[in-house]
Amino acid sequence: MKKMTYESLACEVSVAENYVLISHFFCDYEKYTVAYAVERFFTRCALFRRECTWKSWQMRIAKGKARKRQNFQYFVPAVLMELPGNWVRICGDIDAVGVTVKRVEILKEYPWTADVRERPRRLAA
């Protein structure tokens, strides 16, 4: 779990302990290595840090249904996260505490241009 700050706002980014890691090709990275890369990316990338911290802060001060957690899905070039492959899909939730990543998928190509003939491999824990 790492802390993100944007201006005077702060929230936490964490990867769920039982998160799902899917790779569309052979990847010899362990789950904790990918989790570390995702946490580090969120804390270093200004765009994601600003957006996620702002949404989390809005939920902290909101009332009623506005406090409900929001799902997110981001596509990031894998080279920015120092991971193999070409693209990474990150899925999770944003709530009043911060960002929780629940699924990371390492892709060969951008999903809408990819050829869907291969079945993805779920990596063991």
C-alpha atoms as a PDB file:
ATOM      1  CA  MET A   1       0.000   0.000   0.000  1.00  0.00           C
ATOM      2  CA  LYS A   2       1.390   3.382  -0.996  1.00  0.00           C
ATOM      3  CA  LYS A   3       0.201   6.903  -0.377  1.00  0.00           C
ATOM      4  CA  MET A   4      -0.591   9.303  -3.239  1.00  0.00           C
ATOM      5  CA  THR A   5      -0.733  13.057  -2.814  1.00  0.00           C
ATOM      6  CA  TYR A   6      -1.999  15.702  -5.199  1.00  0.00           C
ATOM      7  CA  GLU A   7      -1.691  19.271  -3.952  1.00  0.00           C
ATOM      8  CA  SER A   8      -3.082  19.018  -0.393  1.00  0.00           C
ATOM      9  CA  LEU A   9      -5.200  15.908  -1.054  1.00  0.00           C
ATOM     10  CA  ALA A  10      -4.053  12.386  -0.206  1.00  0.00           C
ATOM     11  CA  CYS A  11      -5.304   8.834  -0.693  1.00  0.00           C
ATOM     12  CA  GLU A  12      -3.890   5.315  -0.736  1.00  0.00           C
ATOM     13  CA  VAL A  13      -3.276   2.999  -3.651  1.00  0.00           C
ATOM     14  CA  SER A  14      -3.201  -0.721  -2.997  1.00  0.00           C
ATOM     15  CA  VAL A  15      -3.436  -3.970  -4.883  1.00  0.00           C
ATOM     16  CA  ALA A  16      -5.881  -6.489  -3.442  1.00  0.00           C
ATOM     17  CA  GLU A  17      -4.200  -9.557  -1.937  1.00  0.00           C
ATOM     18  CA  ASN A  18      -6.231 -11.886  -4.149  1.00  0.00           C
ATOM     19  CA  TYR A  19      -6.014  -9.805  -7.314  1.00  0.00           C
ATOM     20  CA  VAL A  20      -6.174 -11.536 -10.698  1.00  0.00           C
ATOM     21  CA  LEU A  21      -3.146 -11.434 -12.974  1.00  0.00           C
ATOM     22  CA  ILE A  22      -3.755 -12.477 -16.583  1.00  0.00           C
ATOM     23  CA  SER A  23      -1.140 -12.578 -19.323  1.00  0.00           C
ATOM     24  CA  HIS A  24      -1.753 -13.148 -23.025  1.00  0.00           C
ATOM     25  CA  PHE A  25       1.745 -14.580 -23.468  1.00  0.00           C
ATOM     26  CA  PHE A  26       4.461 -16.122 -21.329  1.00  0.00           C
ATOM     27  CA  CYS A  27       5.407 -13.797 -18.467  1.00  0.00           C
ATOM     28  CA  ASP A  28       7.921 -14.919 -15.855  1.00  0.00           C
ATOM     29  CA  TYR A  29       7.171 -12.066 -13.422  1.00  0.00           C
ATOM     30  CA  GLU A  30       5.644 -13.055 -10.100  1.00  0.00           C
ATOM     31  CA  LYS A  31       2.383 -11.580  -8.835  1.00  0.00           C
ATOM     32  CA  TYR A  32       4.026  -9.412  -6.190  1.00  0.00           C
ATOM     33  CA  THR A  33       6.390  -7.899  -8.792  1.00  0.00           C
ATOM     34  CA  VAL A  34       3.453  -6.838 -10.983  1.00  0.00           C
ATOM     35  CA  ALA A  35       1.604  -5.514  -7.906  1.00  0.00           C
ATOM     36  CA  TYR A  36       4.626  -3.390  -7.000  1.00  0.00           C
ATOM     37  CA  ALA A  37       4.851  -2.049 -10.571  1.00  0.00           C
ATOM     38  CA  VAL A  38       1.166  -1.037 -10.517  1.00  0.00           C
ATOM     39  CA  GLU A  39       1.431   0.716  -7.135  1.00  0.00           C
ATOM     40  CA  ARG A  40       4.591   2.522  -8.187  1.00  0.00           C
ATOM     41  CA  PHE A  41       3.042   3.592 -11.505  1.00  0.00           C
ATOM     42  CA  PHE A  42       0.001   5.141  -9.806  1.00  0.00           C
ATOM     43  CA  THR A  43       2.169   7.115  -7.369  1.00  0.00           C
ATOM     44  CA  ARG A  44       4.533   8.358 -10.124  1.00  0.00           C
ATOM     45  CA  CYS A  45       2.100   9.205 -12.949  1.00  0.00           C
ATOM     46  CA  ALA A  46       0.722  12.726 -12.450  1.00  0.00           C
ATOM     47  CA  LEU A  47      -2.425  12.186 -14.541  1.00  0.00           C
ATOM     48  CA  PHE A  48      -3.613   9.087 -12.645  1.00  0.00           C
ATOM     49  CA  ARG A  49      -2.500  10.483  -9.284  1.00  0.00           C
ATOM     50  CA  ARG A  50      -4.510  13.666  -9.835  1.00  0.00           C
ATOM     51  CA  GLU A  51      -7.641  11.947 -11.152  1.00  0.00           C
ATOM     52  CA  CYS A  52      -7.793   9.175  -8.557  1.00  0.00           C
ATOM     53  CA  THR A  53      -6.967  11.432  -5.612  1.00  0.00           C
ATOM     54  CA  TRP A  54      -9.583  13.950  -6.702  1.00  0.00           C
ATOM     55  CA  LYS A  55     -12.303  11.277  -7.101  1.00  0.00           C
ATOM     56  CA  SER A  56     -11.432   9.741  -3.743  1.00  0.00           C
ATOM     57  CA  TRP A  57     -11.579  13.128  -2.032  1.00  0.00           C
ATOM     58  CA  GLN A  58     -14.971  13.879  -3.615  1.00  0.00           C
ATOM     59  CA  MET A  59     -16.314  10.611  -2.197  1.00  0.00           C
ATOM     60  CA  ARG A  60     -14.972  11.470   1.265  1.00  0.00           C
ATOM     61  CA  ILE A  61     -16.958  14.690   1.442  1.00  0.00           C
ATOM     62  CA  ALA A  62     -20.055  13.394  -0.393  1.00  0.00           C
ATOM     63  CA  LYS A  63     -23.261  12.169   1.213  1.00  0.00           C
ATOM     64  CA  GLY A  64     -25.638   9.349   0.387  1.00  0.00           C
ATOM     65  CA  LYS A  65     -25.281   7.491  -2.908  1.00  0.00           C
ATOM     66  CA  ALA A  66     -22.427   9.732  -4.032  1.00  0.00           C
ATOM     67  CA  ARG A  67     -20.174   7.824  -1.580  1.00  0.00           C
ATOM     68  CA  LYS A  68     -20.631   4.619  -3.582  1.00  0.00           C
ATOM     69  CA  ARG A  69     -17.378   3.190  -4.939  1.00  0.00           C
ATOM     70  CA  GLN A  70     -16.680   3.577  -8.641  1.00  0.00           C
ATOM     71  CA  ASN A  71     -15.170   0.970 -10.915  1.00  0.00           C
ATOM     72  CA  PHE A  72     -12.374   1.983 -13.243  1.00  0.00           C
ATOM     73  CA  GLN A  73     -10.479   0.478 -16.154  1.00  0.00           C
ATOM     74  CA  TYR A  74      -7.301   2.012 -17.541  1.00  0.00           C
ATOM     75  CA  PHE A  75      -5.162   0.971 -20.518  1.00  0.00           C
ATOM     76  CA  VAL A  76      -1.510   1.866 -20.079  1.00  0.00           C
ATOM     77  CA  PRO A  77       1.509   1.206 -22.303  1.00  0.00           C
ATOM     78  CA  ALA A  78       3.459  -1.576 -20.591  1.00  0.00           C
ATOM     79  CA  VAL A  79       6.773   0.194 -21.046  1.00  0.00           C
ATOM     80  CA  LEU A  80       5.629   2.928 -18.616  1.00  0.00           C
ATOM     81  CA  MET A  81       5.182   0.285 -15.921  1.00  0.00           C
ATOM     82  CA  GLU A  82       8.374  -1.555 -16.901  1.00  0.00           C
ATOM     83  CA  LEU A  83       6.397  -4.736 -17.620  1.00  0.00           C
ATOM     84  CA  PRO A  84       6.631  -7.082 -20.629  1.00  0.00           C
ATOM     85  CA  GLY A  85       4.120  -6.832 -23.443  1.00  0.00           C
ATOM     86  CA  ASN A  86       2.700  -3.805 -25.196  1.00  0.00           C
ATOM     87  CA  TRP A  87      -0.339  -2.798 -23.114  1.00  0.00           C
ATOM     88  CA  VAL A  88      -1.571  -3.314 -19.553  1.00  0.00           C
ATOM     89  CA  ARG A  89      -5.233  -3.206 -18.533  1.00  0.00           C
ATOM     90  CA  ILE A  90      -5.776  -2.209 -14.893  1.00  0.00           C
ATOM     91  CA  CYS A  91      -9.222  -2.705 -13.315  1.00  0.00           C
ATOM     92  CA  GLY A  92     -10.339  -1.871  -9.800  1.00  0.00           C
ATOM     93  CA  ASP A  93     -12.337   0.435  -7.526  1.00  0.00           C
ATOM     94  CA  ILE A  94     -12.001   3.993  -6.287  1.00  0.00           C
ATOM     95  CA  ASP A  95     -13.584   4.717  -2.909  1.00  0.00           C
ATOM     96  CA  ALA A  96     -13.218   7.180  -0.030  1.00  0.00           C
ATOM     97  CA  VAL A  97     -10.017   5.496   1.183  1.00  0.00           C
ATOM     98  CA  GLY A  98      -8.307   5.386  -2.189  1.00  0.00           C
ATOM     99  CA  VAL A  99      -7.651   3.087  -5.133  1.00  0.00           C
ATOM    100  CA  THR A 100      -7.863  -0.711  -4.964  1.00  0.00           C
ATOM    101  CA  VAL A 101      -6.593  -2.661  -7.978  1.00  0.00           C
ATOM    102  CA  LYS A 102      -8.386  -5.986  -8.457  1.00  0.00           C
ATOM    103  CA  ARG A 103      -7.232  -7.131 -11.894  1.00  0.00           C
ATOM    104  CA  VAL A 104      -4.144  -6.644 -14.036  1.00  0.00           C
ATOM    105  CA  GLU A 105      -4.010  -7.960 -17.594  1.00  0.00           C
ATOM    106  CA  ILE A 106      -0.847  -7.899 -19.698  1.00  0.00           C
ATOM    107  CA  LEU A 107      -1.764  -7.634 -23.390  1.00  0.00           C
ATOM    108  CA  LYS A 108       0.150  -8.105 -26.641  1.00  0.00           C
ATOM    109  CA  GLU A 109      -1.884  -5.508 -28.521  1.00  0.00           C
ATOM    110  CA  TYR A 110      -4.431  -2.845 -27.779  1.00  0.00           C
ATOM    111  CA  PRO A 111      -7.712  -4.775 -27.165  1.00  0.00           C
ATOM    112  CA  TRP A 112      -9.758  -3.258 -29.973  1.00  0.00           C
ATOM    113  CA  THR A 113      -7.110  -3.976 -32.589  1.00  0.00           C
ATOM    114  CA  ALA A 114      -6.129  -7.407 -31.241  1.00  0.00           C
ATOM    115  CA  ASP A 115      -6.865 -10.697 -32.907  1.00  0.00           C
ATOM    116  CA  VAL A 116      -8.910 -12.716 -30.401  1.00  0.00           C
ATOM    117  CA  ARG A 117      -7.758 -16.199 -31.346  1.00  0.00           C
ATOM    118  CA  GLU A 118      -5.518 -16.896 -28.382  1.00  0.00           C
ATOM    119  CA  ARG A 119      -6.852 -17.704 -24.938  1.00  0.00           C
ATOM    120  CA  PRO A 120      -5.270 -15.738 -22.099  1.00  0.00           C
ATOM    121  CA  ARG A 121      -3.334 -17.562 -19.381  1.00  0.00           C
ATOM    122  CA  ARG A 122      -4.170 -16.973 -15.753  1.00  0.00           C
ATOM    123  CA  LEU A 123      -0.966 -16.979 -13.744  1.00  0.00           C
ATOM    124  CA  ALA A 124      -0.813 -19.078 -10.586  1.00  0.00           C
ATOM    125  CA  ALA A 125      -0.465 -17.454  -7.166  1.00  0.00           C
END
